[in-house]
Structure formats: structure tokens, C-alpha cells
PDB file of N, CA and C in Angstrom:
ATOM      1  N   MET A   1     -16.481  20.431   2.634  1.00  0.00           N
ATOM      2  CA  MET A   1     -15.664  20.781   1.492  1.00  0.00           C
ATOM      3  C   MET A   1     -16.483  21.437   0.391  1.00  0.00           C
ATOM      4  N   ASP A   2     -17.758  21.061   0.288  1.00  0.00           N
ATOM      5  CA  ASP A   2     -18.587  21.647  -0.764  1.00  0.00           C
ATOM      6  C   ASP A   2     -18.727  23.164  -0.621  1.00  0.00           C
ATOM      7  N   PRO A   3     -18.977  23.675   0.576  1.00  0.00           N
ATOM      8  CA  PRO A   3     -19.069  25.136   0.701  1.00  0.00           C
ATOM      9  C   PRO A   3     -17.754  25.833   0.345  1.00  0.00           C
ATOM     10  N   LEU A   4     -16.621  25.239   0.720  1.00  0.00           N
ATOM     11  CA  LEU A   4     -15.326  25.820   0.394  1.00  0.00           C
ATOM     12  C   LEU A   4     -15.106  25.837  -1.114  1.00  0.00           C
ATOM     13  N   ALA A   5     -15.437  24.742  -1.798  1.00  0.00           N
ATOM     14  CA  ALA A   5     -15.301  24.688  -3.256  1.00  0.00           C
ATOM     15  C   ALA A   5     -16.211  25.727  -3.916  1.00  0.00           C
ATOM     16  N   GLY A   6     -17.390  25.917  -3.375  1.00  0.00           N
ATOM     17  CA  GLY A   6     -18.307  26.929  -3.899  1.00  0.00           C
ATOM     18  C   GLY A   6     -17.759  28.336  -3.746  1.00  0.00           C
ATOM     19  N   MET A   7     -17.142  28.601  -2.604  1.00  0.00           N
ATOM     20  CA  MET A   7     -16.548  29.923  -2.362  1.00  0.00           C
ATOM     21  C   MET A   7     -15.378  30.179  -3.308  1.00  0.00           C
ATOM     22  N   ILE A   8     -14.531  29.179  -3.494  1.00  0.00           N
ATOM     23  CA  ILE A   8     -13.394  29.319  -4.409  1.00  0.00           C
ATOM     24  C   ILE A   8     -13.902  29.547  -5.835  1.00  0.00           C
ATOM     25  N   GLY A   9     -14.905  28.799  -6.245  1.00  0.00           N
ATOM     26  CA  GLY A   9     -15.494  28.982  -7.572  1.00  0.00           C
ATOM     27  C   GLY A   9     -16.074  30.378  -7.741  1.00  0.00           C
ATOM     28  N   ALA A  10     -16.737  30.880  -6.701  1.00  0.00           N
ATOM     29  CA  ALA A  10     -17.309  32.230  -6.756  1.00  0.00           C
ATOM     30  C   ALA A  10     -16.216  33.280  -6.893  1.00  0.00           C
ATOM     31  N   LEU A  11     -15.094  33.104  -6.188  1.00  0.00           N
ATOM     32  CA  LEU A  11     -13.976  34.050  -6.297  1.00  0.00           C
ATOM     33  C   LEU A  11     -13.359  34.030  -7.687  1.00  0.00           C
ATOM     34  N   VAL A  12     -13.228  32.838  -8.276  1.00  0.00           N
ATOM     35  CA  VAL A  12     -12.683  32.730  -9.637  1.00  0.00           C
ATOM     36  C   VAL A  12     -13.599  33.446 -10.622  1.00  0.00           C
ATOM     37  N   ILE A  13     -14.892  33.213 -10.513  1.00  0.00           N
ATOM     38  CA  ILE A  13     -15.859  33.855 -11.418  1.00  0.00           C
ATOM     39  C   ILE A  13     -15.878  35.363 -11.190  1.00  0.00           C
ATOM     40  N   LEU A  14     -15.799  35.811  -9.955  1.00  0.00           N
ATOM     41  CA  LEU A  14     -15.774  37.235  -9.648  1.00  0.00           C
ATOM     42  C   LEU A  14     -14.536  37.899 -10.254  1.00  0.00           C
ATOM     43  N   SER A  15     -13.396  37.266 -10.128  1.00  0.00           N
ATOM     44  CA  SER A  15     -12.162  37.794 -10.695  1.00  0.00           C
ATOM     45  C   SER A  15     -12.266  37.881 -12.222  1.00  0.00           C
ATOM     46  N   TRP A  16     -12.767  36.839 -12.854  1.00  0.00           N
ATOM     47  CA  TRP A  16     -12.922  36.811 -14.307  1.00  0.00           C
ATOM     48  C   TRP A  16     -13.899  37.891 -14.771  1.00  0.00           C
ATOM     49  N   SER A  17     -15.013  38.034 -14.089  1.00  0.00           N
ATOM     50  CA  SER A  17     -16.015  39.013 -14.511  1.00  0.00           C
ATOM     51  C   SER A  17     -15.506  40.442 -14.310  1.00  0.00           C
ATOM     52  N   TYR A  18     -14.724  40.697 -13.268  1.00  0.00           N
ATOM     53  CA  TYR A  18     -14.152  42.023 -13.052  1.00  0.00           C
ATOM     54  C   TYR A  18     -13.236  42.400 -14.214  1.00  0.00           C
ATOM     55  N   ARG A  19     -12.340  41.489 -14.616  1.00  0.00           N
ATOM     56  CA  ARG A  19     -11.443  41.756 -15.747  1.00  0.00           C
ATOM     57  C   ARG A  19     -12.219  41.970 -17.033  1.00  0.00           C
ATOM     58  N   LEU A  20     -13.259  41.188 -17.247  1.00  0.00           N
ATOM     59  CA  LEU A  20     -14.073  41.321 -18.450  1.00  0.00           C
ATOM     60  C   LEU A  20     -14.764  42.688 -18.496  1.00  0.00           C
ATOM     61  N   ILE A  21     -15.340  43.109 -17.384  1.00  0.00           N
ATOM     62  CA  ILE A  21     -16.009  44.413 -17.338  1.00  0.00           C
ATOM     63  C   ILE A  21     -15.004  45.543 -17.529  1.00  0.00           C
ATOM     64  N   ARG A  22     -13.847  45.443 -16.912  1.00  0.00           N
ATOM     65  CA  ARG A  22     -12.813  46.470 -17.045  1.00  0.00           C
ATOM     66  C   ARG A  22     -12.335  46.594 -18.485  1.00  0.00           C
ATOM     67  N   ASP A  23     -12.064  45.464 -19.132  1.00  0.00           N
ATOM     68  CA  ASP A  23     -11.542  45.490 -20.508  1.00  0.00           C
ATOM     69  C   ASP A  23     -12.587  45.938 -21.522  1.00  0.00           C
ATOM     70  N   THR A  24     -13.792  45.429 -21.420  1.00  0.00           N
ATOM     71  CA  THR A  24     -14.824  45.787 -22.394  1.00  0.00           C
ATOM     72  C   THR A  24     -15.410  47.160 -22.115  1.00  0.00           C
ATOM     73  N   GLY A  25     -15.376  47.605 -20.870  1.00  0.00           N
ATOM     74  CA  GLY A  25     -15.886  48.937 -20.548  1.00  0.00           C
ATOM     75  C   GLY A  25     -15.127  50.023 -21.283  1.00  0.00           C
ATOM     76  N   GLY A  26     -13.817  49.887 -21.366  1.00  0.00           N
ATOM     77  CA  GLY A  26     -13.008  50.857 -22.104  1.00  0.00           C
ATOM     78  C   GLY A  26     -13.352  50.891 -23.580  1.00  0.00           C
ATOM     79  N   ILE A  27     -13.628  49.743 -24.139  1.00  0.00           N
ATOM     80  CA  ILE A  27     -13.999  49.671 -25.555  1.00  0.00           C
ATOM     81  C   ILE A  27     -15.373  50.291 -25.767  1.00  0.00           C
ATOM     82  N   LEU A  28     -16.327  49.929 -24.927  1.00  0.00           N
ATOM     83  CA  LEU A  28     -17.691  50.428 -25.090  1.00  0.00           C
ATOM     84  C   LEU A  28     -17.797  51.929 -24.843  1.00  0.00           C
ATOM     85  N   LEU A  29     -16.952  52.466 -23.991  1.00  0.00           N
ATOM     86  CA  LEU A  29     -16.978  53.895 -23.707  1.00  0.00           C
ATOM     87  C   LEU A  29     -16.069  54.680 -24.640  1.00  0.00           C
ATOM     88  N   ASP A  30     -15.516  54.018 -25.665  1.00  0.00           N
ATOM     89  CA  ASP A  30     -14.686  54.655 -26.691  1.00  0.00           C
ATOM     90  C   ASP A  30     -13.482  55.359 -26.087  1.00  0.00           C
ATOM     91  N   MET A  31     -12.808  54.660 -25.155  1.00  0.00           N
ATOM     92  CA  MET A  31     -11.608  55.215 -24.546  1.00  0.00           C
ATOM     93  C   MET A  31     -10.466  55.216 -25.553  1.00  0.00           C
ATOM     94  N   ASN A  32      -9.583  56.183 -25.405  1.00  0.00           N
ATOM     95  CA  ASN A  32      -8.395  56.252 -26.243  1.00  0.00           C
ATOM     96  C   ASN A  32      -7.443  55.145 -25.801  1.00  0.00           C
ATOM     97  N   PRO A  33      -7.147  54.155 -26.676  1.00  0.00           N
ATOM     98  CA  PRO A  33      -6.342  53.023 -26.243  1.00  0.00           C
ATOM     99  C   PRO A  33      -4.858  53.322 -26.085  1.00  0.00           C
ATOM    100  N   ASP A  34      -4.365  54.389 -26.727  1.00  0.00           N
ATOM    101  CA  ASP A  34      -2.936  54.655 -26.690  1.00  0.00           C
ATOM    102  C   ASP A  34      -2.700  56.164 -26.785  1.00  0.00           C
ATOM    103  N   ARG A  35      -2.549  56.816 -25.641  1.00  0.00           N
ATOM    104  CA  ARG A  35      -2.382  58.275 -25.633  1.00  0.00           C
ATOM    105  C   ARG A  35      -1.072  58.701 -26.286  1.00  0.00           C
ATOM    106  N   ALA A  36      -0.036  57.906 -26.171  1.00  0.00           N
ATOM    107  CA  ALA A  36       1.240  58.239 -26.812  1.00  0.00           C
ATOM    108  C   ALA A  36       1.085  58.224 -28.327  1.00  0.00           C
ATOM    109  N   MET A  37       0.346  57.253 -28.850  1.00  0.00           N
ATOM    110  CA  MET A  37       0.107  57.181 -30.293  1.00  0.00           C
ATOM    111  C   MET A  37      -0.688  58.398 -30.755  1.00  0.00           C
ATOM    112  N   THR A  38      -1.674  58.807 -29.979  1.00  0.00           N
ATOM    113  CA  THR A  38      -2.476  59.982 -30.320  1.00  0.00           C
ATOM    114  C   THR A  38      -1.595  61.228 -30.391  1.00  0.00           C
ATOM    115  N   ALA A  39      -0.696  61.375 -29.452  1.00  0.00           N
ATOM    116  CA  ALA A  39       0.209  62.529 -29.452  1.00  0.00           C
ATOM    117  C   ALA A  39       1.121  62.498 -30.671  1.00  0.00           C
ATOM    118  N   LYS A  40       1.607  61.320 -31.041  1.00  0.00           N
ATOM    119  CA  LYS A  40       2.473  61.202 -32.221  1.00  0.00           C
ATOM    120  C   LYS A  40       1.702  61.501 -33.508  1.00  0.00           C
ATOM    121  N   LEU A  41       0.455  61.039 -33.595  1.00  0.00           N
ATOM    122  CA  LEU A  41      -0.379  61.350 -34.765  1.00  0.00           C
ATOM    123  C   LEU A  41      -0.589  62.860 -34.877  1.00  0.00           C
ATOM    124  N   ARG A  42      -0.906  63.483 -33.761  1.00  0.00           N
ATOM    125  CA  ARG A  42      -1.120  64.931 -33.746  1.00  0.00           C
ATOM    126  C   ARG A  42       0.140  65.660 -34.195  1.00  0.00           C
ATOM    127  N   GLU A  43       1.284  65.233 -33.689  1.00  0.00           N
ATOM    128  CA  GLU A  43       2.560  65.860 -34.034  1.00  0.00           C
ATOM    129  C   GLU A  43       2.874  65.698 -35.521  1.00  0.00           C
ATOM    130  N   ALA A  44       2.541  64.537 -36.086  1.00  0.00           N
ATOM    131  CA  ALA A  44       2.818  64.288 -37.501  1.00  0.00           C
ATOM    132  C   ALA A  44       1.941  65.144 -38.413  1.00  0.00           C
ATOM    133  N   ILE A  45       0.742  65.456 -37.982  1.00  0.00           N
ATOM    134  CA  ILE A  45      -0.186  66.230 -38.805  1.00  0.00           C
ATOM    135  C   ILE A  45       0.014  67.732 -38.634  1.00  0.00           C
ATOM    136  N   GLU A  46       0.218  68.183 -37.423  1.00  0.00           N
ATOM    137  CA  GLU A  46       0.269  69.619 -37.153  1.00  0.00           C
ATOM    138  C   GLU A  46       1.642  70.206 -37.461  1.00  0.00           C
ATOM    139  N   ARG A  47       1.883  70.350 -38.740  1.00  0.00           N
ATOM    140  CA  ARG A  47       3.099  71.000 -39.233  1.00  0.00           C
ATOM    141  C   ARG A  47       2.688  72.000 -40.304  1.00  0.00           C
ATOM    142  N   ASP A  48       3.529  72.957 -40.562  1.00  0.00           N
ATOM    143  CA  ASP A  48       3.325  73.898 -41.664  1.00  0.00           C
ATOM    144  C   ASP A  48       1.985  74.613 -41.600  1.00  0.00           C
ATOM    145  N   GLY A  49       1.513  74.915 -40.395  1.00  0.00           N
ATOM    146  CA  GLY A  49       0.279  75.663 -40.244  1.00  0.00           C
ATOM    147  C   GLY A  49      -0.986  74.825 -40.255  1.00  0.00           C
ATOM    148  N   ASP A  50      -0.880  73.508 -40.465  1.00  0.00           N
ATOM    149  CA  ASP A  50      -2.054  72.638 -40.421  1.00  0.00           C
ATOM    150  C   ASP A  50      -2.474  72.442 -38.970  1.00  0.00           C
ATOM    151  N   ARG A  51      -3.777  72.238 -38.774  1.00  0.00           N
ATOM    152  CA  ARG A  51      -4.298  72.092 -37.412  1.00  0.00           C
ATOM    153  C   ARG A  51      -5.237  70.896 -37.361  1.00  0.00           C
ATOM    154  N   LEU A  52      -5.001  70.031 -36.419  1.00  0.00           N
ATOM    155  CA  LEU A  52      -5.853  68.854 -36.210  1.00  0.00           C
ATOM    156  C   LEU A  52      -6.987  69.278 -35.289  1.00  0.00           C
ATOM    157  N   VAL A  53      -8.228  69.275 -35.802  1.00  0.00           N
ATOM    158  CA  VAL A  53      -9.347  69.757 -34.996  1.00  0.00           C
ATOM    159  C   VAL A  53     -10.175  68.631 -34.394  1.00  0.00           C
ATOM    160  N   ASP A  54     -10.052  67.435 -34.942  1.00  0.00           N
ATOM    161  CA  ASP A  54     -10.817  66.307 -34.397  1.00  0.00           C
ATOM    162  C   ASP A  54     -10.028  65.030 -34.632  1.00  0.00           C
ATOM    163  N   LEU A  55      -9.883  64.230 -33.604  1.00  0.00           N
ATOM    164  CA  LEU A  55      -9.124  62.983 -33.707  1.00  0.00           C
ATOM    165  C   LEU A  55      -9.766  61.926 -32.820  1.00  0.00           C
ATOM    166  N   HIS A  56     -10.103  60.814 -33.427  1.00  0.00           N
ATOM    167  CA  HIS A  56     -10.638  59.666 -32.694  1.00  0.00           C
ATOM    168  C   HIS A  56      -9.785  58.454 -33.030  1.00  0.00           C
ATOM    169  N   VAL A  57      -9.284  57.780 -32.015  1.00  0.00           N
ATOM    170  CA  VAL A  57      -8.475  56.578 -32.186  1.00  0.00           C
ATOM    171  C   VAL A  57      -9.123  55.472 -31.373  1.00  0.00           C
ATOM    172  N   TRP A  58      -9.266  54.290 -31.965  1.00  0.00           N
ATOM    173  CA  TRP A  58      -9.845  53.171 -31.234  1.00  0.00           C
ATOM    174  C   TRP A  58      -9.170  51.881 -31.656  1.00  0.00           C
ATOM    175  N   ARG A  59      -9.234  50.893 -30.791  1.00  0.00           N
ATOM    176  CA  ARG A  59      -8.612  49.596 -31.035  1.00  0.00           C
ATOM    177  C   ARG A  59      -9.547  48.741 -31.873  1.00  0.00           C
ATOM    178  N   LEU A  60      -9.013  48.206 -32.973  1.00  0.00           N
ATOM    179  CA  LEU A  60      -9.770  47.308 -33.840  1.00  0.00           C
ATOM    180  C   LEU A  60      -9.529  45.854 -33.473  1.00  0.00           C
ATOM    181  N   GLY A  61      -8.350  45.576 -33.012  1.00  0.00           N
ATOM    182  CA  GLY A  61      -7.957  44.228 -32.641  1.00  0.00           C
ATOM    183  C   GLY A  61      -6.538  44.286 -32.108  1.00  0.00           C
ATOM    184  N   PRO A  62      -5.958  43.151 -31.800  1.00  0.00           N
ATOM    185  CA  PRO A  62      -4.585  43.150 -31.274  1.00  0.00           C
ATOM    186  C   PRO A  62      -3.605  43.764 -32.279  1.00  0.00           C
ATOM    187  N   GLY A  63      -2.986  44.864 -31.897  1.00  0.00           N
ATOM    188  CA  GLY A  63      -1.993  45.507 -32.745  1.00  0.00           C
ATOM    189  C   GLY A  63      -2.554  46.356 -33.871  1.00  0.00           C
ATOM    190  N   HIS A  64      -3.873  46.551 -33.919  1.00  0.00           N
ATOM    191  CA  HIS A  64      -4.488  47.336 -34.984  1.00  0.00           C
ATOM    192  C   HIS A  64      -5.352  48.439 -34.394  1.00  0.00           C
ATOM    193  N   LEU A  65      -5.139  49.655 -34.896  1.00  0.00           N
ATOM    194  CA  LEU A  65      -5.914  50.800 -34.468  1.00  0.00           C
ATOM    195  C   LEU A  65      -6.647  51.403 -35.661  1.00  0.00           C
ATOM    196  N   GLY A  66      -7.767  52.033 -35.392  1.00  0.00           N
ATOM    197  CA  GLY A  66      -8.481  52.812 -36.396  1.00  0.00           C
ATOM    198  C   GLY A  66      -8.396  54.269 -35.985  1.00  0.00           C
ATOM    199  N   ALA A  67      -8.390  55.174 -36.966  1.00  0.00           N
ATOM    200  CA  ALA A  67      -8.320  56.596 -36.651  1.00  0.00           C
ATOM    201  C   ALA A  67      -9.174  57.384 -37.637  1.00  0.00           C
ATOM    202  N   VAL A  68      -9.868  58.364 -37.107  1.00  0.00           N
ATOM    203  CA  VAL A  68     -10.614  59.330 -37.910  1.00  0.00           C
ATOM    204  C   VAL A  68     -10.105  60.693 -37.499  1.00  0.00           C
ATOM    205  N   LEU A  69      -9.666  61.497 -38.469  1.00  0.00           N
ATOM    206  CA  LEU A  69      -9.146  62.804 -38.127  1.00  0.00           C
ATOM    207  C   LEU A  69      -9.643  63.864 -39.095  1.00  0.00           C
ATOM    208  N   SER A  70      -9.793  65.073 -38.570  1.00  0.00           N
ATOM    209  CA  SER A  70     -10.186  66.241 -39.356  1.00  0.00           C
ATOM    210  C   SER A  70      -9.065  67.260 -39.256  1.00  0.00           C
ATOM    211  N   VAL A  71      -8.616  67.724 -40.412  1.00  0.00           N
ATOM    212  CA  VAL A  71      -7.493  68.652 -40.478  1.00  0.00           C
ATOM    213  C   VAL A  71      -7.954  69.943 -41.142  1.00  0.00           C
ATOM    214  N   VAL A  72      -7.636  71.070 -40.519  1.00  0.00           N
ATOM    215  CA  VAL A  72      -7.874  72.379 -41.140  1.00  0.00           C
ATOM    216  C   VAL A  72      -6.549  72.830 -41.719  1.00  0.00           C
ATOM    217  N   THR A  73      -6.571  73.159 -43.006  1.00  0.00           N
ATOM    218  CA  THR A  73      -5.348  73.557 -43.690  1.00  0.00           C
ATOM    219  C   THR A  73      -5.561  74.852 -44.459  1.00  0.00           C
ATOM    220  N   VAL A  74      -4.522  75.665 -44.521  1.00  0.00           N
ATOM    221  CA  VAL A  74      -4.559  76.870 -45.347  1.00  0.00           C
ATOM    222  C   VAL A  74      -3.861  76.613 -46.674  1.00  0.00           C
ATOM    223  N   ALA A  75      -3.158  75.480 -46.773  1.00  0.00           N
ATOM    224  CA  ALA A  75      -2.392  75.164 -47.977  1.00  0.00           C
ATOM    225  C   ALA A  75      -3.222  74.428 -49.025  1.00  0.00           C
ATOM    226  N   GLY A  76      -4.425  74.003 -48.694  1.00  0.00           N
ATOM    227  CA  GLY A  76      -5.273  73.320 -49.671  1.00  0.00           C
ATOM    228  C   GLY A  76      -4.762  71.939 -50.062  1.00  0.00           C
ATOM    229  N   ARG A  77      -4.148  71.245 -49.146  1.00  0.00           N
ATOM    230  CA  ARG A  77      -3.607  69.913 -49.427  1.00  0.00           C
ATOM    231  C   ARG A  77      -4.720  68.874 -49.452  1.00  0.00           C
ATOM    232  N   PRO A  78      -4.571  67.817 -50.273  1.00  0.00           N
ATOM    233  CA  PRO A  78      -5.593  66.761 -50.319  1.00  0.00           C
ATOM    234  C   PRO A  78      -5.410  65.766 -49.174  1.00  0.00           C
ATOM    235  N   ALA A  79      -6.409  64.922 -48.963  1.00  0.00           N
ATOM    236  CA  ALA A  79      -6.354  63.910 -47.906  1.00  0.00           C
ATOM    237  C   ALA A  79      -5.190  62.946 -48.133  1.00  0.00           C
ATOM    238  N   SER A  80      -4.837  62.686 -49.389  1.00  0.00           N
ATOM    239  CA  SER A  80      -3.727  61.764 -49.678  1.00  0.00           C
ATOM    240  C   SER A  80      -2.405  62.272 -49.102  1.00  0.00           C
ATOM    241  N   PHE A  81      -2.238  63.579 -49.019  1.00  0.00           N
ATOM    242  CA  PHE A  81      -1.030  64.161 -48.430  1.00  0.00           C
ATOM    243  C   PHE A  81      -0.899  63.746 -46.967  1.00  0.00           C
ATOM    244  N   TYR A  82      -2.002  63.802 -46.223  1.00  0.00           N
ATOM    245  CA  TYR A  82      -1.980  63.451 -44.803  1.00  0.00           C
ATOM    246  C   TYR A  82      -1.894  61.945 -44.601  1.00  0.00           C
ATOM    247  N   ARG A  83      -2.497  61.193 -45.511  1.00  0.00           N
ATOM    248  CA  ARG A  83      -2.350  59.731 -45.451  1.00  0.00           C
ATOM    249  C   ARG A  83      -0.886  59.345 -45.607  1.00  0.00           C
ATOM    250  N   ALA A  84      -0.194  60.016 -46.522  1.00  0.00           N
ATOM    251  CA  ALA A  84       1.235  59.730 -46.740  1.00  0.00           C
ATOM    252  C   ALA A  84       2.054  60.076 -45.497  1.00  0.00           C
ATOM    253  N   ARG A  85       1.689  61.163 -44.817  1.00  0.00           N
ATOM    254  CA  ARG A  85       2.396  61.533 -43.581  1.00  0.00           C
ATOM    255  C   ARG A  85       2.248  60.479 -42.494  1.00  0.00           C
ATOM    256  N   LEU A  86       1.141  59.753 -42.515  1.00  0.00           N
ATOM    257  CA  LEU A  86       0.869  58.783 -41.456  1.00  0.00           C
ATOM    258  C   LEU A  86       1.207  57.352 -41.847  1.00  0.00           C
ATOM    259  N   GLN A  87       1.860  57.154 -42.985  1.00  0.00           N
ATOM    260  CA  GLN A  87       2.188  55.795 -43.420  1.00  0.00           C
ATOM    261  C   GLN A  87       3.176  55.096 -42.499  1.00  0.00           C
ATOM    262  N   GLY A  88       3.958  55.838 -41.754  1.00  0.00           N
ATOM    263  CA  GLY A  88       4.914  55.239 -40.831  1.00  0.00           C
ATOM    264  C   GLY A  88       4.267  54.604 -39.602  1.00  0.00           C
ATOM    265  N   PHE A  89       2.998  54.870 -39.384  1.00  0.00           N
ATOM    266  CA  PHE A  89       2.281  54.323 -38.241  1.00  0.00           C
ATOM    267  C   PHE A  89       1.667  52.985 -38.648  1.00  0.00           C
ATOM    268  N   LYS A  90       2.419  51.917 -38.470  1.00  0.00           N
ATOM    269  CA  LYS A  90       1.995  50.583 -38.933  1.00  0.00           C
ATOM    270  C   LYS A  90       0.792  50.046 -38.163  1.00  0.00           C
ATOM    271  N   SER A  91       0.605  50.495 -36.935  1.00  0.00           N
ATOM    272  CA  SER A  91      -0.517  49.971 -36.153  1.00  0.00           C
ATOM    273  C   SER A  91      -1.848  50.599 -36.558  1.00  0.00           C
ATOM    274  N   VAL A  92      -1.819  51.704 -37.311  1.00  0.00           N
ATOM    275  CA  VAL A  92      -3.051  52.333 -37.789  1.00  0.00           C
ATOM    276  C   VAL A  92      -3.440  51.650 -39.097  1.00  0.00           C
ATOM    277  N   SER A  93      -4.353  50.687 -39.007  1.00  0.00           N
ATOM    278  CA  SER A  93      -4.730  49.927 -40.191  1.00  0.00           C
ATOM    279  C   SER A  93      -5.968  50.460 -40.892  1.00  0.00           C
ATOM    280  N   HIS A  94      -6.717  51.308 -40.242  1.00  0.00           N
ATOM    281  CA  HIS A  94      -7.900  51.903 -40.864  1.00  0.00           C
ATOM    282  C   HIS A  94      -7.855  53.398 -40.578  1.00  0.00           C
ATOM    283  N   LEU A  95      -7.804  54.208 -41.635  1.00  0.00           N
ATOM    284  CA  LEU A  95      -7.631  55.642 -41.464  1.00  0.00           C
ATOM    285  C   LEU A  95      -8.633  56.393 -42.331  1.00  0.00           C
ATOM    286  N   THR A  96      -9.344  57.326 -41.722  1.00  0.00           N
ATOM    287  CA  THR A  96     -10.241  58.213 -42.447  1.00  0.00           C
ATOM    288  C   THR A  96      -9.772  59.637 -42.193  1.00  0.00           C
ATOM    289  N   VAL A  97      -9.548  60.391 -43.294  1.00  0.00           N
ATOM    290  CA  VAL A  97      -9.042  61.753 -43.190  1.00  0.00           C
ATOM    291  C   VAL A  97     -10.050  62.710 -43.822  1.00  0.00           C
ATOM    292  N   GLU A  98     -10.431  63.731 -43.070  1.00  0.00           N
ATOM    293  CA  GLU A  98     -11.277  64.807 -43.579  1.00  0.00           C
ATOM    294  C   GLU A  98     -10.422  66.062 -43.614  1.00  0.00           C
ATOM    295  N   VAL A  99     -10.396  66.740 -44.760  1.00  0.00           N
ATOM    296  CA  VAL A  99      -9.616  67.960 -44.914  1.00  0.00           C
ATOM    297  C   VAL A  99     -10.582  69.127 -45.060  1.00  0.00           C
ATOM    298  N   ILE A 100     -10.380  70.143 -44.235  1.00  0.00           N
ATOM    299  CA  ILE A 100     -11.197  71.351 -44.262  1.00  0.00           C
ATOM    300  C   ILE A 100     -10.304  72.487 -44.724  1.00  0.00           C
ATOM    301  N   ASP A 101     -10.676  73.130 -45.822  1.00  0.00           N
ATOM    302  CA  ASP A 101      -9.897  74.234 -46.373  1.00  0.00           C
ATOM    303  C   ASP A 101     -10.239  75.497 -45.595  1.00  0.00           C
ATOM    304  N   ALA A 102      -9.265  76.072 -44.909  1.00  0.00           N
ATOM    305  CA  ALA A 102      -9.502  77.254 -44.092  1.00  0.00           C
ATOM    306  C   ALA A 102      -9.800  78.472 -44.960  1.00  0.00           C
ATOM    307  N   LYS A 103      -9.396  78.445 -46.225  1.00  0.00           N
ATOM    308  CA  LYS A 103      -9.627  79.578 -47.114  1.00  0.00           C
ATOM    309  C   LYS A 103     -11.014  79.557 -47.739  1.00  0.00           C
ATOM    310  N   ALA A 104     -11.685  78.408 -47.690  1.00  0.00           N
ATOM    311  CA  ALA A 104     -12.986  78.282 -48.353  1.00  0.00           C
ATOM    312  C   ALA A 104     -14.027  79.171 -47.685  1.00  0.00           C
ATOM    313  N   ASP A 105     -14.897  79.715 -48.498  1.00  0.00           N
ATOM    314  CA  ASP A 105     -15.983  80.542 -48.011  1.00  0.00           C
ATOM    315  C   ASP A 105     -17.189  79.658 -47.804  1.00  0.00           C
ATOM    316  N   PHE A 106     -17.615  79.469 -46.558  1.00  0.00           N
ATOM    317  CA  PHE A 106     -18.688  78.536 -46.228  1.00  0.00           C
ATOM    318  C   PHE A 106     -20.051  79.216 -46.113  1.00  0.00           C
ATOM    319  N   ARG A 107     -20.198  80.374 -46.673  1.00  0.00           N
ATOM    320  CA  ARG A 107     -21.492  81.064 -46.589  1.00  0.00           C
ATOM    321  C   ARG A 107     -22.516  80.471 -47.496  1.00  0.00           C
TER     322      ARG A 107
END
């Protein structure tokens, strides 16, 4: 019975470790946790000629996402304008917005 109990214990540990590696691997490799949310964020920002050039979304905890986005605009809107556009996204609890003025001369 001891060898059988050892085999069952090994299978339980193997199953647990596989799930742990699968779940933490996505976090460590900075995988996008919710592609539908990313598409909705992009859709909310890319209106009126604005263009989302960089977007990173990651899970902070259960039900909470963080997002960093860079927006190129010709209208010269401030970051607060884009924050207001994204207020309907309750799961985005940490948001960083960078606004790049397309009219600015960067020479």
C-alpha cells in the first residue's frame, strides 16, 4: 500500500504544480489577461482621429486590471480626457495615460 500511496501523492503534486506553472507563467510572461477588454479599450480611445499606439494590460488581482496606454492625437486633448472616456471600465483600477501631440515639432 505504501508504494500506491506514494504514486497517488506524486500525481496530486504533479497536478498541482502543473496548474501553478500554467497560471504563474502567464503572469510572468506579461500575457494579456483579457483580449476582449483590450479590444474595448482600443475602441473607446480610437475615435475622432485619435490613435492608440501602445497598450499594455495586466492583471493586478481578482477583478482588477492595470493599463498603460499611449495615444497620438491631433486635437491636443489632455490625459484627463482619455481617463474620462475609460471611466466605464470598472475592472481597470490602475490607469496610466500618455498623450502624444501629433502636431508637435519634435526636432
